[in-house]
Protein backbone atom coordinates (compact mmCIF):
# COMPACT_ATOMS: atom_id res chain seq x y z
CA MET A 1 -22.47 -47.14 21.62
CA ALA A 2 -24.20 -45.11 24.36
CA LEU A 3 -25.61 -42.86 21.75
CA LEU A 4 -27.31 -45.67 19.57
CA TRP A 5 -28.76 -47.01 22.91
CA GLN A 6 -30.24 -43.34 23.64
CA ILE A 7 -31.73 -43.38 19.94
CA PHE A 8 -33.33 -46.81 20.47
CA VAL A 9 -34.73 -46.00 23.64
CA LEU A 10 -36.17 -42.45 22.63
CA PHE A 11 -37.87 -44.14 19.63
CA THR A 12 -39.17 -47.07 21.33
CA ARG A 13 -40.62 -44.53 24.10
CA VAL A 14 -42.19 -42.72 21.14
CA ALA A 15 -43.48 -46.02 19.45
CA MET A 16 -44.67 -47.32 22.83
CA PHE A 17 -46.67 -44.17 23.63
CA SER A 18 -48.30 -43.12 20.40
CA TRP A 19 -51.66 -44.54 19.54
CA GLY A 20 -53.16 -44.47 16.12
CA GLY A 21 -50.07 -45.58 14.03
CA GLY A 22 -47.25 -43.98 12.22
CA PRO A 23 -48.62 -40.40 11.48
CA ALA A 24 -50.02 -40.09 14.75
CA SER A 25 -46.72 -40.77 16.27
CA LEU A 26 -45.14 -37.74 14.44
CA ALA A 27 -46.35 -35.30 16.97
CA LEU A 28 -44.86 -37.15 19.78
CA MET A 29 -41.58 -37.83 17.81
CA GLN A 30 -41.46 -34.25 16.87
CA ARG A 31 -41.76 -33.00 20.53
CA GLU A 32 -39.19 -35.97 21.62
CA THR A 33 -36.48 -35.23 19.02
CA THR A 34 -36.77 -31.49 19.18
CA SER A 35 -36.69 -31.14 22.77
CA ALA A 36 -33.67 -33.45 23.06
CA GLY A 37 -31.73 -31.26 20.31
CA TRP A 38 -31.54 -33.90 17.87
CA VAL A 39 -33.17 -32.12 15.27
CA THR A 40 -34.68 -28.45 14.62
CA PRO A 41 -38.44 -28.07 13.65
CA ASP A 42 -37.16 -27.48 9.98
CA GLU A 43 -35.20 -30.76 9.88
CA PHE A 44 -38.21 -32.27 11.21
CA ALA A 45 -40.39 -30.97 8.61
CA ASP A 46 -37.94 -31.93 5.73
CA ALA A 47 -37.69 -35.70 7.37
CA VAL A 48 -41.47 -35.87 7.25
CA ALA A 49 -41.54 -34.50 3.47
CA VAL A 50 -39.09 -36.84 2.51
CA GLY A 51 -40.84 -39.81 4.34
CA ASN A 52 -43.92 -38.82 2.60
CA ALA A 53 -42.17 -38.84 -0.64
CA LEU A 54 -41.30 -42.40 -0.15
CA PRO A 55 -43.15 -45.47 -0.23
CA GLY A 56 -43.73 -47.18 3.19
CA PRO A 57 -44.73 -46.34 6.57
CA ILE A 58 -43.72 -42.70 7.72
CA ALA A 59 -42.62 -43.27 11.41
CA PRO A 60 -39.67 -45.59 10.81
CA GLN A 61 -38.52 -43.32 7.97
CA VAL A 62 -38.55 -40.28 9.88
CA SER A 63 -36.90 -42.04 12.81
CA ALA A 64 -34.14 -43.33 10.37
CA PHE A 65 -33.87 -39.87 9.29
CA VAL A 66 -33.04 -38.40 12.63
CA GLY A 67 -30.93 -41.58 13.49
CA TYR A 68 -28.82 -41.02 10.46
CA LYS A 69 -28.43 -37.25 11.26
CA LEU A 70 -27.25 -38.36 14.74
CA ALA A 71 -24.89 -41.28 14.07
CA GLY A 72 -24.94 -42.43 10.43
CA ILE A 73 -26.05 -45.64 9.39
CA PRO A 74 -25.81 -47.46 12.91
CA GLY A 75 -28.12 -44.60 14.07
CA ALA A 76 -30.76 -45.00 11.28
CA ILE A 77 -30.85 -48.64 12.10
CA ALA A 78 -31.25 -48.09 15.90
CA ALA A 79 -33.83 -45.39 15.45
CA ALA A 80 -35.85 -47.61 12.86
CA THR A 81 -35.54 -50.77 15.10
CA GLY A 82 -36.84 -48.84 18.21
CA THR A 83 -39.75 -47.63 16.27
CA VAL A 84 -40.80 -51.01 14.84
CA ILE A 85 -39.46 -53.92 17.05
CA PRO A 86 -40.75 -53.46 20.36
CA THR A 87 -44.45 -52.38 19.00
CA THR A 88 -44.60 -55.40 16.76
CA VAL A 89 -43.53 -57.82 19.33
CA LEU A 90 -46.14 -56.21 21.62
CA MET A 91 -48.66 -56.30 18.85
CA LEU A 92 -48.12 -60.16 18.31
CA PHE A 93 -48.97 -60.53 21.75
CA MET A 94 -51.85 -58.32 21.79
CA ILE A 95 -53.49 -59.35 18.99
CA VAL A 96 -54.12 -62.97 20.41
CA PHE A 97 -56.11 -61.08 23.29
CA PHE A 98 -57.50 -58.28 21.10
CA TYR A 99 -59.75 -60.74 19.41
CA ASN A 100 -61.10 -62.15 22.61
CA ILE A 101 -61.89 -58.68 24.03
CA LYS A 102 -62.28 -56.27 20.77
CA ASP A 103 -66.09 -56.37 21.41
CA ASN A 104 -66.14 -55.75 25.12
CA PRO A 105 -68.07 -52.50 26.11
CA THR A 106 -64.97 -51.05 28.06
CA VAL A 107 -62.54 -51.52 24.98
CA GLN A 108 -65.08 -49.88 22.84
CA ALA A 109 -65.47 -46.99 25.43
CA MET A 110 -61.50 -46.50 25.59
CA LEU A 111 -61.67 -46.19 21.81
CA LYS A 112 -64.30 -43.87 21.36
CA ALA A 113 -61.88 -41.55 23.21
CA VAL A 114 -58.63 -42.48 21.89
CA ARG A 115 -59.62 -42.09 18.03
CA PRO A 116 -60.40 -38.09 18.40
CA ALA A 117 -57.15 -37.75 20.53
CA ILE A 118 -55.45 -39.29 17.65
CA VAL A 119 -57.06 -36.70 15.28
CA GLY A 120 -56.00 -33.86 17.65
CA LEU A 121 -52.55 -34.95 17.48
CA LEU A 122 -52.43 -35.20 13.76
CA LEU A 123 -53.86 -31.84 13.92
CA TRP A 124 -51.04 -30.30 16.00
CA THR A 125 -48.48 -32.03 13.75
CA ALA A 126 -49.70 -30.31 10.94
CA TYR A 127 -50.39 -26.65 12.60
CA ASP A 128 -46.64 -27.19 14.05
CA MET A 129 -45.27 -27.90 10.78
CA ALA A 130 -47.23 -25.16 9.07
CA PHE A 131 -45.27 -22.80 11.44
CA THR A 132 -42.06 -24.26 9.94
CA VAL A 133 -43.46 -24.54 6.24
CA TRP A 134 -44.42 -20.58 6.58
CA GLY A 135 -41.90 -19.34 8.82
CA VAL A 136 -44.21 -17.75 11.03
CA LYS A 137 -41.92 -17.90 13.93
CA ARG A 138 -39.42 -15.88 12.19
CA LEU A 139 -41.80 -13.50 10.22
CA GLY A 140 -44.90 -13.25 12.13
CA TRP A 141 -48.60 -14.55 11.13
CA GLN A 142 -49.13 -11.82 8.60
CA HIS A 143 -45.71 -11.48 6.74
CA ALA A 144 -45.76 -15.31 6.68
CA PHE A 145 -48.73 -15.52 5.00
CA ILE A 146 -48.29 -12.73 2.51
CA GLN A 147 -44.84 -13.91 1.64
CA GLY A 148 -46.07 -17.51 1.80
CA TRP A 149 -48.96 -17.40 -0.39
CA ASP A 150 -48.10 -19.93 -2.84
CA LYS A 151 -47.40 -22.24 -0.16
CA GLY A 152 -50.86 -21.91 0.90
CA LEU A 153 -52.22 -22.45 -2.54
CA ILE A 154 -50.16 -25.58 -2.62
CA MET A 155 -51.42 -26.78 0.57
CA LEU A 156 -55.13 -25.94 -0.41
CA THR A 157 -54.79 -27.76 -3.74
CA ALA A 158 -53.41 -30.78 -2.27
CA PHE A 159 -56.40 -30.77 0.32
CA GLY A 160 -58.55 -30.27 -2.24
CA ILE A 161 -57.47 -33.09 -4.45
CA LEU A 162 -57.37 -35.50 -1.84
CA THR A 163 -60.83 -34.45 -0.46
CA PHE A 164 -62.71 -34.54 -3.78
CA THR A 165 -60.91 -37.19 -5.77
CA LYS A 166 -59.48 -40.74 -5.47
CA ILE A 167 -56.19 -39.90 -6.80
CA ASN A 168 -53.33 -41.60 -4.98
CA PRO A 169 -51.44 -39.35 -2.66
CA VAL A 170 -48.15 -40.63 -4.18
CA PHE A 171 -48.85 -38.79 -7.61
CA LEU A 172 -49.62 -35.63 -5.42
CA VAL A 173 -46.06 -36.01 -3.58
CA ILE A 174 -44.53 -36.67 -7.11
CA ALA A 175 -46.12 -33.60 -8.73
CA SER A 176 -45.30 -31.26 -5.71
CA ALA A 177 -41.82 -32.32 -6.22
CA VAL A 178 -41.77 -31.52 -9.95
CA LEU A 179 -43.34 -28.41 -9.11
CA GLY A 180 -41.04 -27.46 -6.44
CA PHE A 181 -37.90 -28.21 -8.80
CA LEU A 182 -39.39 -26.40 -11.55
CA VAL A 183 -40.43 -23.27 -9.63
CA TYR A 184 -38.04 -22.97 -6.32
CA ARG A 185 -34.85 -23.84 -7.81
């Protein structure tokens, strides 16, 4: 029971101190779960990959993955609940007030600084995940990119497709999964 409470509290803390929604919470979630020793960076990258392959919000999916690893289905429920319920209740209270203050210059000034900080958090998450995907810590930069040129090609192709087309990212994830099945098994 104590472990379930710890899972709930950690994911509540991540949700309450993450600004910008699910993807933005991944940076803090990764730091918290890996520093707690609950998952390795590789396992976290797997959780994000699986979560992106599924429909729905990413944060509860990744938290459920970690919770399940720690304590099975009760752990997954504790993690997803900690990720969703406290902030949903807070949002219900805050939405009433936000519509009264959303045009306030102070609130607008704060949001101008928070938005680029969220971009920074997302970039850090991508950077840290890239280390895991390419095995930079294990191989070093030069060897990692020489041996992982194919992963770089997949990354650049996905970035290009998302940047220059209106293709739904779901199709990109499905195509990548099929490619992985055909090429890497």
